[in-house]
Protein backbone atom coordinates (compact mmCIF):
# COMPACT_ATOMS: atom_id res chain seq x y z
CA PHE A 1 -30.03 9.67 17.54
CA GLN A 2 -33.13 11.21 15.94
CA VAL A 3 -33.27 13.76 13.16
CA PRO A 4 -35.85 16.45 13.91
CA ARG A 5 -38.69 16.74 11.42
CA ILE A 6 -38.84 19.92 9.43
CA THR A 7 -42.29 21.40 9.15
CA GLU A 8 -43.36 24.59 7.44
CA LYS A 9 -43.93 26.17 10.86
CA SER A 10 -40.33 25.46 11.88
CA LEU A 11 -38.82 27.07 8.77
CA PRO A 12 -37.58 30.65 9.14
CA LEU A 13 -39.34 33.53 7.44
CA LYS A 14 -37.72 35.37 4.58
CA GLU A 15 -37.17 39.12 4.73
CA ASP A 16 -40.50 39.69 2.98
CA GLY A 17 -42.37 37.77 5.68
CA ARG A 18 -43.14 34.67 3.63
CA GLY A 19 -42.05 31.25 4.75
CA VAL A 20 -39.29 29.45 2.86
CA GLY A 21 -41.77 26.94 1.40
CA GLN A 22 -44.33 29.50 0.28
CA SER A 23 -44.55 30.35 -3.38
CA TYR A 24 -44.43 33.84 -4.80
CA ARG A 25 -44.62 35.42 -8.21
CA TYR A 26 -41.28 35.51 -10.03
CA SER A 27 -40.23 39.08 -10.69
CA GLY A 28 -36.87 38.41 -12.32
CA PRO A 29 -35.71 39.42 -15.77
CA LYS A 30 -38.19 39.23 -18.62
CA LYS A 31 -37.79 36.75 -21.46
CA PRO A 32 -35.42 37.87 -24.19
CA PRO A 33 -37.07 38.96 -27.45
CA PHE A 34 -35.52 36.07 -29.45
CA THR A 35 -34.80 32.40 -28.78
CA TYR A 36 -31.37 30.94 -29.50
CA THR A 37 -32.92 29.07 -32.42
CA GLU A 38 -34.17 32.32 -33.94
CA LEU A 39 -30.80 34.03 -33.43
CA ILE A 40 -29.01 31.13 -35.14
CA GLU A 41 -31.51 31.25 -38.03
CA TYR A 42 -30.94 35.01 -38.42
CA ALA A 43 -27.16 34.57 -38.36
CA LEU A 44 -27.28 31.82 -40.99
CA SER A 45 -29.73 33.70 -43.22
CA GLU A 46 -27.54 36.82 -43.10
CA LYS A 47 -24.12 35.19 -43.44
CA GLY A 48 -24.84 31.84 -45.11
CA GLU A 49 -22.78 28.98 -43.74
CA LEU A 50 -21.18 29.63 -40.36
CA THR A 51 -19.18 27.61 -37.89
CA VAL A 52 -20.40 27.38 -34.31
CA SER A 53 -17.73 29.94 -33.46
CA GLY A 54 -19.05 32.22 -36.20
CA ILE A 55 -22.61 31.92 -34.89
CA TYR A 56 -21.39 32.76 -31.39
CA GLN A 57 -19.55 35.82 -32.69
CA TRP A 58 -22.63 36.96 -34.63
CA ILE A 59 -24.85 36.62 -31.53
CA SER A 60 -22.43 38.37 -29.16
């Protein structure tokens, strides 16, 4: 029993014509304006001491 070797030529093309192994520029969602660290800092500066649950509620 032999496992066939996978080469880039044997990989199927995606709908856009690029091979599976070929790279492309990521066009997904942009970075959010704030990091989680910054959001936590804002929540604590506004409300003082907060529990993790309180921070979550402030962010969402």
